[in-house]
Amino acid sequence: MLIALVLTFINGLINMFRMPLPPALNIAEFAEYKEVINRLYLIDDDFRALCDDFSMSKTHLEKFNAHSLEDKQRKIEYQQLTLELEKEILDYVNKLTYGPDRH
Protein backbone atom coordinates (compact mmCIF):
# COMPACT_ATOMS: atom_id res chain seq x y z
CA MET A 1 0.00 0.00 0.00
CA LEU A 2 1.01 3.56 -0.57
CA ILE A 3 0.77 4.38 3.14
CA ALA A 4 3.17 1.54 4.01
CA LEU A 5 5.65 2.75 1.41
CA VAL A 6 5.48 6.35 2.60
CA LEU A 7 5.76 5.31 6.25
CA THR A 8 8.75 3.09 5.48
CA PHE A 9 10.48 5.93 3.62
CA ILE A 10 9.89 8.30 6.49
CA ASN A 11 11.09 5.78 9.09
CA GLY A 12 14.62 7.18 8.98
CA LEU A 13 13.34 10.71 9.56
CA ILE A 14 11.19 9.51 12.43
CA ASN A 15 14.20 8.18 14.29
CA MET A 16 15.86 11.59 13.97
CA PHE A 17 12.91 13.51 15.41
CA ARG A 18 11.46 11.16 17.99
CA MET A 19 8.59 12.76 19.87
CA PRO A 20 7.37 10.80 22.84
CA LEU A 21 3.97 9.24 22.31
CA PRO A 22 1.59 10.17 25.14
CA PRO A 23 1.29 7.24 27.60
CA ALA A 24 -2.51 7.44 27.32
CA LEU A 25 -2.21 5.93 23.84
CA ASN A 26 -0.75 2.72 25.21
CA ILE A 27 -4.11 1.02 25.64
CA ALA A 28 -5.35 -2.36 24.48
CA GLU A 29 -7.76 -0.79 21.99
CA PHE A 30 -4.81 0.67 20.06
CA ALA A 31 -2.39 -2.28 20.43
CA GLU A 32 -3.03 -3.58 16.91
CA TYR A 33 -2.12 -0.17 15.48
CA LYS A 34 0.80 0.75 17.72
CA GLU A 35 3.37 1.11 14.93
CA VAL A 36 1.02 3.07 12.67
CA ILE A 37 -0.04 5.32 15.55
CA ASN A 38 3.59 5.99 16.47
CA ARG A 39 4.45 6.99 12.92
CA LEU A 40 1.32 9.04 12.28
CA TYR A 41 1.84 10.86 15.58
CA LEU A 42 5.21 12.02 14.32
CA ILE A 43 4.26 13.06 10.79
CA ASP A 44 0.59 14.10 10.82
CA ASP A 45 -0.27 17.30 12.69
CA ASP A 46 -4.02 16.61 12.66
CA PHE A 47 -3.54 13.10 14.00
CA ARG A 48 -1.11 14.35 16.66
CA ALA A 49 -3.66 16.96 17.79
CA LEU A 50 -6.34 14.27 17.97
CA CYS A 51 -4.06 12.04 20.04
CA ASP A 52 -3.07 14.92 22.31
CA ASP A 53 -6.74 15.76 22.88
CA PHE A 54 -7.41 12.11 23.72
CA SER A 55 -4.47 12.05 26.11
CA MET A 56 -5.57 15.25 27.85
CA SER A 57 -9.14 13.99 28.15
CA LYS A 58 -7.96 10.70 29.61
CA THR A 59 -5.69 12.52 32.08
CA HIS A 60 -8.53 14.77 33.26
CA LEU A 61 -10.82 11.78 33.56
CA GLU A 62 -8.35 10.04 35.87
CA LYS A 63 -8.15 13.13 38.11
CA PHE A 64 -11.84 13.41 38.87
CA ASN A 65 -13.13 11.76 42.01
CA ALA A 66 -16.77 11.25 42.80
CA HIS A 67 -16.79 13.70 45.74
CA SER A 68 -19.36 16.11 44.43
CA LEU A 69 -22.14 16.22 41.88
CA GLU A 70 -20.10 18.65 39.76
CA ASP A 71 -17.14 16.24 39.76
CA LYS A 72 -19.46 13.38 38.76
CA GLN A 73 -20.86 15.39 35.87
CA ARG A 74 -17.40 16.41 34.69
CA LYS A 75 -16.22 12.82 34.96
CA ILE A 76 -19.14 11.67 32.79
CA GLU A 77 -18.36 14.39 30.24
CA TYR A 78 -14.71 13.35 30.08
CA GLN A 79 -15.67 9.68 29.82
CA GLN A 80 -17.84 10.48 26.81
CA LEU A 81 -15.20 12.69 25.26
CA THR A 82 -12.49 10.07 25.77
CA LEU A 83 -14.62 7.37 24.14
CA GLU A 84 -15.44 9.63 21.19
CA LEU A 85 -11.78 10.53 20.68
CA GLU A 86 -10.75 6.88 20.99
CA LYS A 87 -13.23 5.98 18.24
CA GLU A 88 -12.00 8.85 16.09
CA ILE A 89 -8.38 7.69 16.42
CA LEU A 90 -9.35 4.13 15.46
CA ASP A 91 -11.42 5.38 12.52
CA TYR A 92 -8.50 7.55 11.36
CA VAL A 93 -6.01 4.69 11.54
CA ASN A 94 -8.39 2.18 9.95
CA LYS A 95 -9.14 4.53 7.06
CA LEU A 96 -5.43 5.00 6.33
CA THR A 97 -4.57 1.35 6.88
CA TYR A 98 -7.46 -0.41 5.18
CA GLY A 99 -9.01 2.24 2.97
CA PRO A 100 -12.14 4.39 3.26
CA ASP A 101 -14.60 1.47 2.89
CA ARG A 102 -13.70 -0.23 6.17
CA HIS A 103 -15.95 0.60 9.15
C-alpha atoms as a PDB file:
ATOM      1  CA  MET A   1       0.000   0.000   0.000  1.00  0.00           C
ATOM      2  CA  LEU A   2       1.014   3.557  -0.569  1.00  0.00           C
ATOM      3  CA  ILE A   3       0.774   4.379   3.138  1.00  0.00           C
ATOM      4  CA  ALA A   4       3.166   1.544   4.010  1.00  0.00           C
ATOM      5  CA  LEU A   5       5.651   2.753   1.412  1.00  0.00           C
ATOM      6  CA  VAL A   6       5.482   6.347   2.598  1.00  0.00           C
ATOM      7  CA  LEU A   7       5.761   5.314   6.248  1.00  0.00           C
ATOM      8  CA  THR A   8       8.754   3.087   5.479  1.00  0.00           C
ATOM      9  CA  PHE A   9      10.476   5.926   3.619  1.00  0.00           C
ATOM     10  CA  ILE A  10       9.890   8.301   6.490  1.00  0.00           C
ATOM     11  CA  ASN A  11      11.090   5.779   9.090  1.00  0.00           C
ATOM     12  CA  GLY A  12      14.621   7.184   8.983  1.00  0.00           C
ATOM     13  CA  LEU A  13      13.336  10.708   9.558  1.00  0.00           C
ATOM     14  CA  ILE A  14      11.193   9.511  12.431  1.00  0.00           C
ATOM     15  CA  ASN A  15      14.200   8.182  14.289  1.00  0.00           C
ATOM     16  CA  MET A  16      15.863  11.592  13.974  1.00  0.00           C
ATOM     17  CA  PHE A  17      12.907  13.508  15.405  1.00  0.00           C
ATOM     18  CA  ARG A  18      11.458  11.157  17.994  1.00  0.00           C
ATOM     19  CA  MET A  19       8.593  12.758  19.868  1.00  0.00           C
ATOM     20  CA  PRO A  20       7.371  10.798  22.838  1.00  0.00           C
ATOM     21  CA  LEU A  21       3.969   9.240  22.308  1.00  0.00           C
ATOM     22  CA  PRO A  22       1.592  10.165  25.135  1.00  0.00           C
ATOM     23  CA  PRO A  23       1.285   7.238  27.598  1.00  0.00           C
ATOM     24  CA  ALA A  24      -2.512   7.436  27.321  1.00  0.00           C
ATOM     25  CA  LEU A  25      -2.207   5.932  23.836  1.00  0.00           C
ATOM     26  CA  ASN A  26      -0.747   2.720  25.210  1.00  0.00           C
ATOM     27  CA  ILE A  27      -4.112   1.023  25.644  1.00  0.00           C
ATOM     28  CA  ALA A  28      -5.350  -2.356  24.480  1.00  0.00           C
ATOM     29  CA  GLU A  29      -7.762  -0.791  21.992  1.00  0.00           C
ATOM     30  CA  PHE A  30      -4.811   0.671  20.060  1.00  0.00           C
ATOM     31  CA  ALA A  31      -2.390  -2.275  20.432  1.00  0.00           C
ATOM     32  CA  GLU A  32      -3.028  -3.582  16.910  1.00  0.00           C
ATOM     33  CA  TYR A  33      -2.124  -0.167  15.476  1.00  0.00           C
ATOM     34  CA  LYS A  34       0.803   0.748  17.720  1.00  0.00           C
ATOM     35  CA  GLU A  35       3.371   1.107  14.935  1.00  0.00           C
ATOM     36  CA  VAL A  36       1.024   3.073  12.668  1.00  0.00           C
ATOM     37  CA  ILE A  37      -0.043   5.318  15.551  1.00  0.00           C
ATOM     38  CA  ASN A  38       3.589   5.990  16.473  1.00  0.00           C
ATOM     39  CA  ARG A  39       4.454   6.987  12.917  1.00  0.00           C
ATOM     40  CA  LEU A  40       1.322   9.037  12.285  1.00  0.00           C
ATOM     41  CA  TYR A  41       1.839  10.859  15.577  1.00  0.00           C
ATOM     42  CA  LEU A  42       5.215  12.023  14.323  1.00  0.00           C
ATOM     43  CA  ILE A  43       4.262  13.059  10.793  1.00  0.00           C
ATOM     44  CA  ASP A  44       0.588  14.096  10.824  1.00  0.00           C
ATOM     45  CA  ASP A  45      -0.274  17.302  12.689  1.00  0.00           C
ATOM     46  CA  ASP A  46      -4.024  16.611  12.658  1.00  0.00           C
ATOM     47  CA  PHE A  47      -3.539  13.097  14.000  1.00  0.00           C
ATOM     48  CA  ARG A  48      -1.109  14.354  16.663  1.00  0.00           C
ATOM     49  CA  ALA A  49      -3.663  16.961  17.790  1.00  0.00           C
ATOM     50  CA  LEU A  50      -6.342  14.269  17.968  1.00  0.00           C
ATOM     51  CA  CYS A  51      -4.064  12.040  20.045  1.00  0.00           C
ATOM     52  CA  ASP A  52      -3.065  14.916  22.313  1.00  0.00           C
ATOM     53  CA  ASP A  53      -6.743  15.757  22.882  1.00  0.00           C
ATOM     54  CA  PHE A  54      -7.405  12.111  23.719  1.00  0.00           C
ATOM     55  CA  SER A  55      -4.469  12.045  26.112  1.00  0.00           C
ATOM     56  CA  MET A  56      -5.572  15.249  27.849  1.00  0.00           C
ATOM     57  CA  SER A  57      -9.139  13.995  28.151  1.00  0.00           C
ATOM     58  CA  LYS A  58      -7.959  10.698  29.611  1.00  0.00           C
ATOM     59  CA  THR A  59      -5.688  12.517  32.077  1.00  0.00           C
ATOM     60  CA  HIS A  60      -8.532  14.772  33.259  1.00  0.00           C
ATOM     61  CA  LEU A  61     -10.824  11.775  33.563  1.00  0.00           C
ATOM     62  CA  GLU A  62      -8.354  10.042  35.865  1.00  0.00           C
ATOM     63  CA  LYS A  63      -8.146  13.131  38.113  1.00  0.00           C
ATOM     64  CA  PHE A  64     -11.839  13.406  38.872  1.00  0.00           C
ATOM     65  CA  ASN A  65     -13.126  11.765  42.006  1.00  0.00           C
ATOM     66  CA  ALA A  66     -16.774  11.247  42.797  1.00  0.00           C
ATOM     67  CA  HIS A  67     -16.788  13.703  45.742  1.00  0.00           C
ATOM     68  CA  SER A  68     -19.362  16.114  44.435  1.00  0.00           C
ATOM     69  CA  LEU A  69     -22.136  16.225  41.876  1.00  0.00           C
ATOM     70  CA  GLU A  70     -20.099  18.646  39.758  1.00  0.00           C
ATOM     71  CA  ASP A  71     -17.139  16.237  39.761  1.00  0.00           C
ATOM     72  CA  LYS A  72     -19.457  13.381  38.759  1.00  0.00           C
ATOM     73  CA  GLN A  73     -20.863  15.395  35.871  1.00  0.00           C
ATOM     74  CA  ARG A  74     -17.397  16.405  34.693  1.00  0.00           C
ATOM     75  CA  LYS A  75     -16.224  12.822  34.959  1.00  0.00           C
ATOM     76  CA  ILE A  76     -19.144  11.668  32.793  1.00  0.00           C
ATOM     77  CA  GLU A  77     -18.357  14.386  30.243  1.00  0.00           C
ATOM     78  CA  TYR A  78     -14.708  13.347  30.080  1.00  0.00           C
ATOM     79  CA  GLN A  79     -15.674   9.677  29.821  1.00  0.00           C
ATOM     80  CA  GLN A  80     -17.844  10.479  26.809  1.00  0.00           C
ATOM     81  CA  LEU A  81     -15.196  12.694  25.256  1.00  0.00           C
ATOM     82  CA  THR A  82     -12.495  10.068  25.773  1.00  0.00           C
ATOM     83  CA  LEU A  83     -14.615   7.368  24.139  1.00  0.00           C
ATOM     84  CA  GLU A  84     -15.444   9.631  21.189  1.00  0.00           C
ATOM     85  CA  LEU A  85     -11.784  10.532  20.682  1.00  0.00           C
ATOM     86  CA  GLU A  86     -10.752   6.876  20.990  1.00  0.00           C
ATOM     87  CA  LYS A  87     -13.235   5.978  18.240  1.00  0.00           C
ATOM     88  CA  GLU A  88     -12.004   8.849  16.086  1.00  0.00           C
ATOM     89  CA  ILE A  89      -8.380   7.685  16.423  1.00  0.00           C
ATOM     90  CA  LEU A  90      -9.349   4.128  15.465  1.00  0.00           C
ATOM     91  CA  ASP A  91     -11.421   5.378  12.515  1.00  0.00           C
ATOM     92  CA  TYR A  92      -8.503   7.550  11.363  1.00  0.00           C
ATOM     93  CA  VAL A  93      -6.006   4.690  11.539  1.00  0.00           C
ATOM     94  CA  ASN A  94      -8.392   2.176   9.946  1.00  0.00           C
ATOM     95  CA  LYS A  95      -9.137   4.530   7.057  1.00  0.00           C
ATOM     96  CA  LEU A  96      -5.434   5.003   6.335  1.00  0.00           C
ATOM     97  CA  THR A  97      -4.571   1.353   6.881  1.00  0.00           C
ATOM     98  CA  TYR A  98      -7.459  -0.410   5.185  1.00  0.00           C
ATOM     99  CA  GLY A  99      -9.010   2.245   2.972  1.00  0.00           C
ATOM    100  CA  PRO A 100     -12.137   4.388   3.261  1.00  0.00           C
ATOM    101  CA  ASP A 101     -14.597   1.472   2.889  1.00  0.00           C
ATOM    102  CA  ARG A 102     -13.704  -0.232   6.174  1.00  0.00           C
ATOM    103  CA  HIS A 103     -15.951   0.598   9.155  1.00  0.00           C
END
